[in-house]
Amino acid sequence: MKFRAILNRDGGTLRTLDLDALCDRANTLFANQGHTLDCRIVAGADVEGAIQAAADDAEVEAIIAGGGDGTISTAAAIAFRSSKPLGVLPAGTMNLFARALGMPLELERALQAIATGQVVNVDIATANGRPFVHQFGVGIHARLVRIRNGMVYRSRLGKMLASLRAIFASAVNPPRFEVELHADRGDRTLTASGVAVSNNPLDESPVPIAETLTSGRLGVYVAQSVSTQELLSLVLDVMTGRWRGNPAVSETEVKDLILHFPKRKRGTHAVVDGELIDLEPSVTLEIHAAALPVIRPVAEMRARGRDAA
């Protein structure tokens, strides 16, 4: 198989590595498995264009994207539209989609998993047509990302510490907003501090990821209007994998969903796979079952990747 790897030299752990040496090792590894690999190192600003060029190149049979969750989400959107298989090289802080795929989180083991893996189709979701592989969020999550984006950090650990500071800052006077939910299971209107919609229902790990990527269902999670103390309690429950028992959280599974925000204020944001976007008055969320071709590690390596996570 002819692969092209796009490595974001400005993303996550890649910024601290000798990427030329990594590409050399990857070329040898893929050749040993009977593949050819064109490994390209690009600046963060050029990642989307480079991945799109790979998707448009008739000689490229599969794309590998190396970087953080933003890079992987961008690559998944292009793979979804082009139908070219995507290999995920996790090099970010959370690596949420990589974890859900069962990818090893150590780079050379991940390369080995891609070189020896198999092409399968998994689900992908869209919000008003914008693809996402992990989560769409409104309310507290968007506030947290906005606050964290205003902080300065230069490493994976720095980003994690910034996220912790942002959690406490965003918990002061939690957001409250009215939202209408329209789904196949009925309609409801409520006041919430947060709404999250995931590509497949989430598990209960301290870093919640999709339990499976092939259920054909969205996970919908609503945090009712909460106080600062209640929100901090919820954060602790999320970090310890006990959030399903928190009385502030309700959850359901649907095939599609419309969120309407009747009192949306100008300048309000949503967050899609960690990236802030403007929140529209109505958002249609859909699951596209088995619409994303990915290269997944074989079962044994996938199990080891889960254990390592």
C-alpha atoms as a PDB file:
ATOM      1  CA  MET A   1       0.000   0.000   0.000  1.00  0.00           C
ATOM      2  CA  LYS A   2       1.199   3.519  -0.789  1.00  0.00           C
ATOM      3  CA  PHE A   3       1.038   5.740   2.296  1.00  0.00           C
ATOM      4  CA  ARG A   4       1.655   9.435   2.732  1.00  0.00           C
ATOM      5  CA  ALA A   5       2.351  10.655   6.253  1.00  0.00           C
ATOM      6  CA  ILE A   6       1.771  14.290   7.199  1.00  0.00           C
ATOM      7  CA  LEU A   7       3.517  15.216  10.448  1.00  0.00           C
ATOM      8  CA  ASN A   8       2.612  18.469  12.163  1.00  0.00           C
ATOM      9  CA  ARG A   9       6.000  19.712  13.333  1.00  0.00           C
ATOM     10  CA  ASP A  10       4.305  22.325  15.560  1.00  0.00           C
ATOM     11  CA  GLY A  11       1.911  19.898  17.230  1.00  0.00           C
ATOM     12  CA  GLY A  12       2.146  18.161  20.581  1.00  0.00           C
ATOM     13  CA  THR A  13       5.154  15.965  21.208  1.00  0.00           C
ATOM     14  CA  LEU A  14       6.385  16.203  17.604  1.00  0.00           C
ATOM     15  CA  ARG A  15       7.793  19.684  18.187  1.00  0.00           C
ATOM     16  CA  THR A  16      10.446  18.226  20.500  1.00  0.00           C
ATOM     17  CA  LEU A  17      11.515  15.291  18.294  1.00  0.00           C
ATOM     18  CA  ASP A  18      13.994  14.752  15.495  1.00  0.00           C
ATOM     19  CA  LEU A  19      11.327  14.281  12.833  1.00  0.00           C
ATOM     20  CA  ASP A  20      13.763  13.507  10.024  1.00  0.00           C
ATOM     21  CA  ALA A  21      15.043  10.571  12.055  1.00  0.00           C
ATOM     22  CA  LEU A  22      11.481   9.501  12.836  1.00  0.00           C
ATOM     23  CA  CYS A  23      10.642   9.532   9.128  1.00  0.00           C
ATOM     24  CA  ASP A  24      13.723   7.453   8.340  1.00  0.00           C
ATOM     25  CA  ARG A  25      12.707   4.817  10.879  1.00  0.00           C
ATOM     26  CA  ALA A  26       9.122   4.879   9.605  1.00  0.00           C
ATOM     27  CA  ASN A  27      10.270   4.384   5.996  1.00  0.00           C
ATOM     28  CA  THR A  28      12.222   1.286   7.011  1.00  0.00           C
ATOM     29  CA  LEU A  29       9.393  -0.072   9.124  1.00  0.00           C
ATOM     30  CA  PHE A  30       6.809   0.305   6.351  1.00  0.00           C
ATOM     31  CA  ALA A  31       9.160  -1.124   3.720  1.00  0.00           C
ATOM     32  CA  ASN A  32       9.613  -4.204   5.898  1.00  0.00           C
ATOM     33  CA  GLN A  33       5.849  -4.712   5.703  1.00  0.00           C
ATOM     34  CA  GLY A  34       5.793  -4.348   1.913  1.00  0.00           C
ATOM     35  CA  HIS A  35       4.497  -0.758   1.865  1.00  0.00           C
ATOM     36  CA  THR A  36       5.881   2.496   0.502  1.00  0.00           C
ATOM     37  CA  LEU A  37       5.808   5.612   2.659  1.00  0.00           C
ATOM     38  CA  ASP A  38       6.148   9.262   1.658  1.00  0.00           C
ATOM     39  CA  CYS A  39       6.794  11.042   4.959  1.00  0.00           C
ATOM     40  CA  ARG A  40       6.353  14.821   4.955  1.00  0.00           C
ATOM     41  CA  ILE A  41       7.016  17.267   7.779  1.00  0.00           C
ATOM     42  CA  VAL A  42       4.925  20.434   7.574  1.00  0.00           C
ATOM     43  CA  ALA A  43       4.176  23.498   9.671  1.00  0.00           C
ATOM     44  CA  GLY A  44       0.931  23.586  11.588  1.00  0.00           C
ATOM     45  CA  ALA A  45      -0.546  26.216   9.291  1.00  0.00           C
ATOM     46  CA  ASP A  46       0.049  23.948   6.289  1.00  0.00           C
ATOM     47  CA  VAL A  47      -1.290  20.686   7.719  1.00  0.00           C
ATOM     48  CA  GLU A  48      -4.816  20.879   6.327  1.00  0.00           C
ATOM     49  CA  GLY A  49      -3.600  21.730   2.829  1.00  0.00           C
ATOM     50  CA  ALA A  50      -1.029  18.921   2.893  1.00  0.00           C
ATOM     51  CA  ILE A  51      -3.607  16.354   4.005  1.00  0.00           C
ATOM     52  CA  GLN A  52      -6.057  17.541   1.360  1.00  0.00           C
ATOM     53  CA  ALA A  53      -3.329  17.270  -1.293  1.00  0.00           C
ATOM     54  CA  ALA A  54      -2.681  13.685  -0.191  1.00  0.00           C
ATOM     55  CA  ALA A  55      -6.407  12.924  -0.458  1.00  0.00           C
ATOM     56  CA  ASP A  56      -6.476  14.408  -3.963  1.00  0.00           C
ATOM     57  CA  ASP A  57      -3.398  12.465  -5.161  1.00  0.00           C
ATOM     58  CA  ALA A  58      -4.541   9.368  -7.052  1.00  0.00           C
ATOM     59  CA  GLU A  59      -1.278   7.566  -6.221  1.00  0.00           C
ATOM     60  CA  VAL A  60      -1.806   7.867  -2.464  1.00  0.00           C
ATOM     61  CA  GLU A  61      -3.804   4.929  -1.130  1.00  0.00           C
ATOM     62  CA  ALA A  62      -3.827   5.836   2.568  1.00  0.00           C
ATOM     63  CA  ILE A  63      -3.028   8.893   4.694  1.00  0.00           C
ATOM     64  CA  ILE A  64      -1.258   9.026   8.044  1.00  0.00           C
ATOM     65  CA  ALA A  65      -1.767  12.144  10.180  1.00  0.00           C
ATOM     66  CA  GLY A  66       0.617  12.885  13.040  1.00  0.00           C
ATOM     67  CA  GLY A  67      -0.259  15.514  15.636  1.00  0.00           C
ATOM     68  CA  GLY A  68      -2.699  16.429  18.353  1.00  0.00           C
ATOM     69  CA  ASP A  69      -6.466  16.058  18.448  1.00  0.00           C
ATOM     70  CA  GLY A  70      -6.971  19.097  16.200  1.00  0.00           C
ATOM     71  CA  THR A  71      -4.739  17.644  13.493  1.00  0.00           C
ATOM     72  CA  ILE A  72      -6.449  14.256  13.722  1.00  0.00           C
ATOM     73  CA  SER A  73      -9.926  15.802  13.570  1.00  0.00           C
ATOM     74  CA  THR A  74      -8.951  17.771  10.457  1.00  0.00           C
ATOM     75  CA  ALA A  75      -7.530  14.643   8.843  1.00  0.00           C
ATOM     76  CA  ALA A  76     -10.624  12.604   9.704  1.00  0.00           C
ATOM     77  CA  ALA A  77     -12.886  15.178   8.058  1.00  0.00           C
ATOM     78  CA  ILE A  78     -10.833  14.938   4.853  1.00  0.00           C
ATOM     79  CA  ALA A  79     -10.748  11.128   4.989  1.00  0.00           C
ATOM     80  CA  PHE A  80     -14.535  11.090   5.482  1.00  0.00           C
ATOM     81  CA  ARG A  81     -15.066  13.168   2.353  1.00  0.00           C
ATOM     82  CA  SER A  82     -12.415  11.424   0.230  1.00  0.00           C
ATOM     83  CA  SER A  83     -12.981   7.837   1.470  1.00  0.00           C
ATOM     84  CA  LYS A  84      -9.212   7.314   1.779  1.00  0.00           C
ATOM     85  CA  PRO A  85      -8.171   5.302   4.857  1.00  0.00           C
ATOM     86  CA  LEU A  86      -6.666   7.291   7.727  1.00  0.00           C
ATOM     87  CA  GLY A  87      -3.880   6.141  10.012  1.00  0.00           C
ATOM     88  CA  VAL A  88      -3.703   8.031  13.315  1.00  0.00           C
ATOM     89  CA  LEU A  89      -0.283   8.818  14.782  1.00  0.00           C
ATOM     90  CA  PRO A  90      -1.029  10.177  18.291  1.00  0.00           C
ATOM     91  CA  ALA A  91       1.200  13.096  19.267  1.00  0.00           C
ATOM     92  CA  GLY A  92      -1.083  15.339  21.292  1.00  0.00           C
ATOM     93  CA  THR A  93      -2.065  15.906  24.899  1.00  0.00           C
ATOM     94  CA  MET A  94      -5.204  13.774  25.096  1.00  0.00           C
ATOM     95  CA  ASN A  95      -5.175  11.711  21.859  1.00  0.00           C
ATOM     96  CA  LEU A  96      -8.867  10.964  22.302  1.00  0.00           C
ATOM     97  CA  PHE A  97      -9.665   9.443  18.912  1.00  0.00           C
ATOM     98  CA  ALA A  98      -6.437   7.436  18.950  1.00  0.00           C
ATOM     99  CA  ARG A  99      -7.407   5.992  22.341  1.00  0.00           C
ATOM    100  CA  ALA A 100     -10.864   5.082  21.045  1.00  0.00           C
ATOM    101  CA  LEU A 101      -9.235   3.262  18.119  1.00  0.00           C
ATOM    102  CA  GLY A 102      -7.011   1.336  20.518  1.00  0.00           C
ATOM    103  CA  MET A 103      -3.837   2.847  19.083  1.00  0.00           C
ATOM    104  CA  PRO A 104      -0.617   2.558  21.093  1.00  0.00           C
ATOM    105  CA  LEU A 105       0.322   6.006  22.367  1.00  0.00           C
ATOM    106  CA  GLU A 106       4.081   5.553  21.883  1.00  0.00           C
ATOM    107  CA  LEU A 107       4.922   6.821  18.397  1.00  0.00           C
ATOM    108  CA  GLU A 108       7.036   3.977  17.050  1.00  0.00           C
ATOM    109  CA  ARG A 109       4.599   1.367  18.337  1.00  0.00           C
ATOM    110  CA  ALA A 110       1.799   3.368  16.710  1.00  0.00           C
ATOM    111  CA  LEU A 111       3.665   3.353  13.401  1.00  0.00           C
ATOM    112  CA  GLN A 112       4.085  -0.397  13.704  1.00  0.00           C
ATOM    113  CA  ALA A 113       0.356  -0.737  14.439  1.00  0.00           C
ATOM    114  CA  ILE A 114      -0.508   1.219  11.288  1.00  0.00           C
ATOM    115  CA  ALA A 115       1.954  -0.701   9.103  1.00  0.00           C
ATOM    116  CA  THR A 116       0.513  -4.033  10.258  1.00  0.00           C
ATOM    117  CA  GLY A 117      -3.076  -2.876  10.781  1.00  0.00           C
ATOM    118  CA  GLN A 118      -6.251  -3.388   8.830  1.00  0.00           C
ATOM    119  CA  VAL A 119      -8.652  -1.000   7.120  1.00  0.00           C
ATOM    120  CA  VAL A 120     -12.043  -0.873   8.817  1.00  0.00           C
ATOM    121  CA  ASN A 121     -14.921   1.590   8.731  1.00  0.00           C
ATOM    122  CA  VAL A 122     -16.022   3.438  11.869  1.00  0.00           C
ATOM    123  CA  ASP A 123     -18.618   6.075  12.643  1.00  0.00           C
ATOM    124  CA  ILE A 124     -18.126   9.811  12.336  1.00  0.00           C
ATOM    125  CA  ALA A 125     -20.497  12.611  13.369  1.00  0.00           C
ATOM    126  CA  THR A 126     -21.307  16.049  11.987  1.00  0.00           C
ATOM    127  CA  ALA A 127     -22.563  19.300  13.510  1.00  0.00           C
ATOM    128  CA  ASN A 128     -24.295  21.391  10.847  1.00  0.00           C
ATOM    129  CA  GLY A 129     -22.244  19.439   8.325  1.00  0.00           C
ATOM    130  CA  ARG A 130     -18.901  19.887  10.129  1.00  0.00           C
ATOM    131  CA  PRO A 131     -17.349  16.474  10.868  1.00  0.00           C
ATOM    132  CA  PHE A 132     -16.088  15.541  14.320  1.00  0.00           C
ATOM    133  CA  VAL A 133     -14.646  12.331  15.718  1.00  0.00           C
ATOM    134  CA  HIS A 134     -14.943  12.975  19.448  1.00  0.00           C
ATOM    135  CA  GLN A 135     -17.286  15.644  20.747  1.00  0.00           C
ATOM    136  CA  PHE A 136     -19.373  18.752  20.173  1.00  0.00           C
ATOM    137  CA  GLY A 137     -19.876  20.833  23.314  1.00  0.00           C
ATOM    138  CA  VAL A 138     -21.691  23.955  24.494  1.00  0.00           C
ATOM    139  CA  GLY A 139     -21.490  25.778  27.808  1.00  0.00           C
ATOM    140  CA  ILE A 140     -18.872  24.870  30.386  1.00  0.00           C
ATOM    141  CA  HIS A 141     -16.604  22.983  27.961  1.00  0.00           C
ATOM    142  CA  ALA A 142     -16.492  25.897  25.524  1.00  0.00           C
ATOM    143  CA  ARG A 143     -15.728  28.304  28.382  1.00  0.00           C
ATOM    144  CA  LEU A 144     -12.905  26.055  29.588  1.00  0.00           C
ATOM    145  CA  VAL A 145     -11.315  25.917  26.119  1.00  0.00           C
ATOM    146  CA  ARG A 146     -11.645  29.682  25.679  1.00  0.00           C
ATOM    147  CA  ILE A 147      -9.914  30.338  29.017  1.00  0.00           C
ATOM    148  CA  ARG A 148      -7.175  27.774  28.336  1.00  0.00           C
ATOM    149  CA  ASN A 149      -6.530  29.244  24.881  1.00  0.00           C
ATOM    150  CA  GLY A 150      -5.630  32.522  26.591  1.00  0.00           C
ATOM    151  CA  MET A 151      -2.882  30.857  28.620  1.00  0.00           C
ATOM    152  CA  VAL A 152       0.729  30.307  27.591  1.00  0.00           C
ATOM    153  CA  TYR A 153       2.184  26.793  27.684  1.00  0.00           C
ATOM    154  CA  ARG A 154       5.039  25.158  25.797  1.00  0.00           C
ATOM    155  CA  SER A 155       4.716  21.454  26.518  1.00  0.00           C
ATOM    156  CA  ARG A 156       2.236  18.626  26.959  1.00  0.00           C
ATOM    157  CA  LEU A 157       2.562  18.941  30.736  1.00  0.00           C
ATOM    158  CA  GLY A 158       2.124  22.703  30.460  1.00  0.00           C
ATOM    159  CA  LYS A 159      -1.095  22.230  28.518  1.00  0.00           C
ATOM    160  CA  MET A 160      -2.392  19.774  31.115  1.00  0.00           C
ATOM    161  CA  LEU A 161      -1.649  22.223  33.920  1.00  0.00           C
ATOM    162  CA  ALA A 162      -3.278  25.020  31.926  1.00  0.00           C
ATOM    163  CA  SER A 163      -6.363  22.834  31.543  1.00  0.00           C
ATOM    164  CA  LEU A 164      -6.540  22.338  35.313  1.00  0.00           C
ATOM    165  CA  ARG A 165      -6.258  26.083  35.914  1.00  0.00           C
ATOM    166  CA  ALA A 166      -8.919  26.679  33.271  1.00  0.00           C
ATOM    167  CA  ILE A 167     -11.270  24.208  34.965  1.00  0.00           C
ATOM    168  CA  PHE A 168     -11.169  26.130  38.233  1.00  0.00           C
ATOM    169  CA  ALA A 169     -11.453  29.492  36.475  1.00  0.00           C
ATOM    170  CA  SER A 170     -14.418  28.360  34.386  1.00  0.00           C
ATOM    171  CA  ALA A 171     -16.218  26.993  37.461  1.00  0.00           C
ATOM    172  CA  VAL A 172     -16.691  30.484  38.876  1.00  0.00           C
ATOM    173  CA  ASN A 173     -20.304  31.441  38.167  1.00  0.00           C
ATOM    174  CA  PRO A 174     -21.002  28.531  35.776  1.00  0.00           C
ATOM    175  CA  PRO A 175     -22.834  29.322  32.532  1.00  0.00           C
ATOM    176  CA  ARG A 176     -26.590  28.857  32.379  1.00  0.00           C
ATOM    177  CA  PHE A 177     -28.510  28.762  29.119  1.00  0.00           C
ATOM    178  CA  GLU A 178     -31.807  27.561  27.713  1.00  0.00           C
ATOM    179  CA  VAL A 179     -31.672  24.749  25.179  1.00  0.00           C
ATOM    180  CA  GLU A 180     -34.273  22.805  23.252  1.00  0.00           C
ATOM    181  CA  LEU A 181     -33.447  19.209  22.328  1.00  0.00           C
ATOM    182  CA  HIS A 182     -35.330  17.661  19.419  1.00  0.00           C
ATOM    183  CA  ALA A 183     -34.653  13.956  18.854  1.00  0.00           C
ATOM    184  CA  ASP A 184     -36.310  10.716  17.810  1.00  0.00           C
ATOM    185  CA  ARG A 185     -37.109  10.038  21.461  1.00  0.00           C
ATOM    186  CA  GLY A 186     -39.061  13.279  21.849  1.00  0.00           C
ATOM    187  CA  ASP A 187     -38.501  16.954  22.558  1.00  0.00           C
ATOM    188  CA  ARG A 188     -37.563  18.736  25.756  1.00  0.00           C
ATOM    189  CA  THR A 189     -36.565  22.205  26.891  1.00  0.00           C
ATOM    190  CA  LEU A 190     -34.302  22.815  29.871  1.00  0.00           C
ATOM    191  CA  THR A 191     -31.805  25.133  31.484  1.00  0.00           C
ATOM    192  CA  ALA A 192     -28.294  23.739  31.464  1.00  0.00           C
ATOM    193  CA  SER A 193     -24.682  24.558  32.263  1.00  0.00           C
ATOM    194  CA  GLY A 194     -23.350  22.247  29.592  1.00  0.00           C
ATOM    195  CA  VAL A 195     -24.349  19.985  26.726  1.00  0.00           C
ATOM    196  CA  ALA A 196     -21.966  17.504  25.108  1.00  0.00           C
ATOM    197  CA  VAL A 197     -22.685  15.286  22.121  1.00  0.00           C
ATOM    198  CA  SER A 198     -20.190  12.527  21.387  1.00  0.00           C
ATOM    199  CA  ASN A 199     -19.438  10.388  18.360  1.00  0.00           C
ATOM    200  CA  ASN A 200     -20.710   7.152  19.980  1.00  0.00           C
ATOM    201  CA  PRO A 201     -21.524   6.911  23.704  1.00  0.00           C
ATOM    202  CA  LEU A 202     -18.657   7.443  26.134  1.00  0.00           C
ATOM    203  CA  ASP A 203     -17.063   5.008  28.554  1.00  0.00           C
ATOM    204  CA  GLU A 204     -16.368   5.713  32.230  1.00  0.00           C
ATOM    205  CA  SER A 205     -12.586   6.085  32.107  1.00  0.00           C
ATOM    206  CA  PRO A 206     -10.929   9.163  33.683  1.00  0.00           C
ATOM    207  CA  VAL A 207     -10.392  10.351  30.105  1.00  0.00           C
ATOM    208  CA  PRO A 208     -13.831   9.490  28.661  1.00  0.00           C
ATOM    209  CA  ILE A 209     -13.652   8.093  25.136  1.00  0.00           C
ATOM    210  CA  ALA A 210     -16.101   6.214  22.943  1.00  0.00           C
ATOM    211  CA  GLU A 211     -16.840   2.692  24.188  1.00  0.00           C
ATOM    212  CA  THR A 212     -17.106   1.621  20.561  1.00  0.00           C
ATOM    213  CA  LEU A 213     -16.903   3.485  17.267  1.00  0.00           C
ATOM    214  CA  THR A 214     -19.496   1.379  15.497  1.00  0.00           C
ATOM    215  CA  SER A 215     -22.750   1.770  17.463  1.00  0.00           C
ATOM    216  CA  GLY A 216     -24.315   4.169  14.962  1.00  0.00           C
ATOM    217  CA  ARG A 217     -25.483   6.353  17.875  1.00  0.00           C
ATOM    218  CA  LEU A 218     -24.633   9.727  19.347  1.00  0.00           C
ATOM    219  CA  GLY A 219     -24.106  10.055  23.080  1.00  0.00           C
ATOM    220  CA  VAL A 220     -25.937  13.081  24.511  1.00  0.00           C
ATOM    221  CA  TYR A 221     -24.896  14.395  27.934  1.00  0.00           C
ATOM    222  CA  VAL A 222     -26.571  17.299  29.702  1.00  0.00           C
ATOM    223  CA  ALA A 223     -25.279  18.953  32.864  1.00  0.00           C
ATOM    224  CA  GLN A 224     -28.200  20.727  34.475  1.00  0.00           C
ATOM    225  CA  SER A 225     -27.753  24.256  35.761  1.00  0.00           C
ATOM    226  CA  VAL A 226     -25.229  23.907  38.581  1.00  0.00           C
ATOM    227  CA  SER A 227     -23.496  25.970  41.243  1.00  0.00           C
ATOM    228  CA  THR A 228     -19.726  26.362  41.458  1.00  0.00           C
ATOM    229  CA  GLN A 229     -19.521  23.683  44.151  1.00  0.00           C
ATOM    230  CA  GLU A 230     -21.708  21.283  42.152  1.00  0.00           C
ATOM    231  CA  LEU A 231     -19.619  21.837  39.043  1.00  0.00           C
ATOM    232  CA  LEU A 232     -16.349  21.146  40.875  1.00  0.00           C
ATOM    233  CA  SER A 233     -17.905  17.976  42.263  1.00  0.00           C
ATOM    234  CA  LEU A 234     -18.829  16.954  38.703  1.00  0.00           C
ATOM    235  CA  VAL A 235     -15.270  17.647  37.499  1.00  0.00           C
ATOM    236  CA  LEU A 236     -13.916  15.397  40.253  1.00  0.00           C
ATOM    237  CA  ASP A 237     -16.364  12.675  39.254  1.00  0.00           C
ATOM    238  CA  VAL A 238     -15.276  12.950  35.613  1.00  0.00           C
ATOM    239  CA  MET A 239     -11.611  12.672  36.576  1.00  0.00           C
ATOM    240  CA  THR A 240     -12.286   9.572  38.682  1.00  0.00           C
ATOM    241  CA  GLY A 241     -14.642   7.880  36.208  1.00  0.00           C
ATOM    242  CA  ARG A 242     -17.730   8.291  38.438  1.00  0.00           C
ATOM    243  CA  TRP A 243     -19.557  10.956  36.452  1.00  0.00           C
ATOM    244  CA  ARG A 244     -22.467   8.697  35.465  1.00  0.00           C
ATOM    245  CA  GLY A 245     -23.552   8.630  39.115  1.00  0.00           C
ATOM    246  CA  ASN A 246     -23.540  12.425  39.445  1.00  0.00           C
ATOM    247  CA  PRO A 247     -27.127  13.722  39.895  1.00  0.00           C
ATOM    248  CA  ALA A 248     -26.423  16.774  37.710  1.00  0.00           C
ATOM    249  CA  VAL A 249     -25.828  14.634  34.601  1.00  0.00           C
ATOM    250  CA  SER A 250     -28.410  13.042  32.336  1.00  0.00           C
ATOM    251  CA  GLU A 251     -27.577  10.999  29.262  1.00  0.00           C
ATOM    252  CA  THR A 252     -29.254   9.392  26.289  1.00  0.00           C
ATOM    253  CA  GLU A 253     -28.373   7.862  22.922  1.00  0.00           C
ATOM    254  CA  VAL A 254     -29.864   9.039  19.623  1.00  0.00           C
ATOM    255  CA  LYS A 255     -29.245   8.710  15.898  1.00  0.00           C
ATOM    256  CA  ASP A 256     -29.625  12.420  15.275  1.00  0.00           C
ATOM    257  CA  LEU A 257     -30.415  15.517  17.259  1.00  0.00           C
ATOM    258  CA  ILE A 258     -31.272  19.181  16.808  1.00  0.00           C
ATOM    259  CA  LEU A 259     -30.158  21.623  19.490  1.00  0.00           C
ATOM    260  CA  HIS A 260     -31.893  25.001  19.456  1.00  0.00           C
ATOM    261  CA  PHE A 261     -30.736  27.927  21.585  1.00  0.00           C
ATOM    262  CA  PRO A 262     -33.647  30.403  21.725  1.00  0.00           C
ATOM    263  CA  LYS A 263     -31.777  32.987  23.815  1.00  0.00           C
ATOM    264  CA  ARG A 264     -28.307  32.595  22.309  1.00  0.00           C
ATOM    265  CA  LYS A 265     -26.153  35.662  22.845  1.00  0.00           C
ATOM    266  CA  ARG A 266     -23.880  37.008  20.141  1.00  0.00           C
ATOM    267  CA  GLY A 267     -20.295  35.866  20.568  1.00  0.00           C
ATOM    268  CA  THR A 268     -21.263  32.567  22.211  1.00  0.00           C
ATOM    269  CA  HIS A 269     -19.037  29.651  21.254  1.00  0.00           C
ATOM    270  CA  ALA A 270     -19.270  25.914  20.869  1.00  0.00           C
ATOM    271  CA  VAL A 271     -16.318  23.555  20.834  1.00  0.00           C
ATOM    272  CA  VAL A 272     -15.761  20.827  18.227  1.00  0.00           C
ATOM    273  CA  ASP A 273     -12.977  18.336  18.913  1.00  0.00           C
ATOM    274  CA  GLY A 274     -11.254  20.940  21.069  1.00  0.00           C
ATOM    275  CA  GLU A 275     -11.605  23.862  18.635  1.00  0.00           C
ATOM    276  CA  LEU A 276     -13.789  26.881  19.366  1.00  0.00           C
ATOM    277  CA  ILE A 277     -16.372  27.837  16.750  1.00  0.00           C
ATOM    278  CA  ASP A 278     -19.247  30.313  16.712  1.00  0.00           C
ATOM    279  CA  LEU A 279     -22.433  28.791  18.117  1.00  0.00           C
ATOM    280  CA  GLU A 280     -25.310  28.936  15.652  1.00  0.00           C
ATOM    281  CA  PRO A 281     -28.928  29.335  16.858  1.00  0.00           C
ATOM    282  CA  SER A 282     -29.712  25.753  15.797  1.00  0.00           C
ATOM    283  CA  VAL A 283     -27.285  22.846  15.411  1.00  0.00           C
ATOM    284  CA  THR A 284     -28.161  19.601  13.639  1.00  0.00           C
ATOM    285  CA  LEU A 285     -26.056  16.692  14.847  1.00  0.00           C
ATOM    286  CA  GLU A 286     -25.941  13.457  12.879  1.00  0.00           C
ATOM    287  CA  ILE A 287     -24.102  10.157  13.062  1.00  0.00           C
ATOM    288  CA  HIS A 288     -22.720   8.706   9.838  1.00  0.00           C
ATOM    289  CA  ALA A 289     -22.444   4.997  10.508  1.00  0.00           C
ATOM    290  CA  ALA A 290     -19.355   3.219   9.138  1.00  0.00           C
ATOM    291  CA  ALA A 291     -18.543   6.230   6.957  1.00  0.00           C
ATOM    292  CA  LEU A 292     -14.927   6.828   8.016  1.00  0.00           C
ATOM    293  CA  PRO A 293     -12.236   4.416   6.766  1.00  0.00           C
ATOM    294  CA  VAL A 294      -9.401   4.066   9.263  1.00  0.00           C
ATOM    295  CA  ILE A 295      -6.399   1.826   9.762  1.00  0.00           C
ATOM    296  CA  ARG A 296      -6.904   0.056  13.043  1.00  0.00           C
ATOM    297  CA  PRO A 297      -4.335  -2.076  14.854  1.00  0.00           C
ATOM    298  CA  VAL A 298      -4.917  -5.805  15.029  1.00  0.00           C
ATOM    299  CA  ALA A 299      -6.842  -6.972  18.088  1.00  0.00           C
ATOM    300  CA  GLU A 300      -3.824  -7.986  20.190  1.00  0.00           C
ATOM    301  CA  MET A 301      -2.026  -4.685  19.690  1.00  0.00           C
ATOM    302  CA  ARG A 302      -5.277  -2.770  20.178  1.00  0.00           C
ATOM    303  CA  ALA A 303      -5.732  -4.425  23.552  1.00  0.00           C
ATOM    304  CA  ARG A 304      -2.194  -3.497  24.573  1.00  0.00           C
ATOM    305  CA  GLY A 305      -2.830   0.076  23.441  1.00  0.00           C
ATOM    306  CA  ARG A 306      -5.911   0.265  25.680  1.00  0.00           C
ATOM    307  CA  ASP A 307      -3.916  -1.108  28.610  1.00  0.00           C
ATOM    308  CA  ALA A 308      -1.190   1.488  28.049  1.00  0.00           C
ATOM    309  CA  ALA A 309      -3.767   4.303  27.970  1.00  0.00           C
END
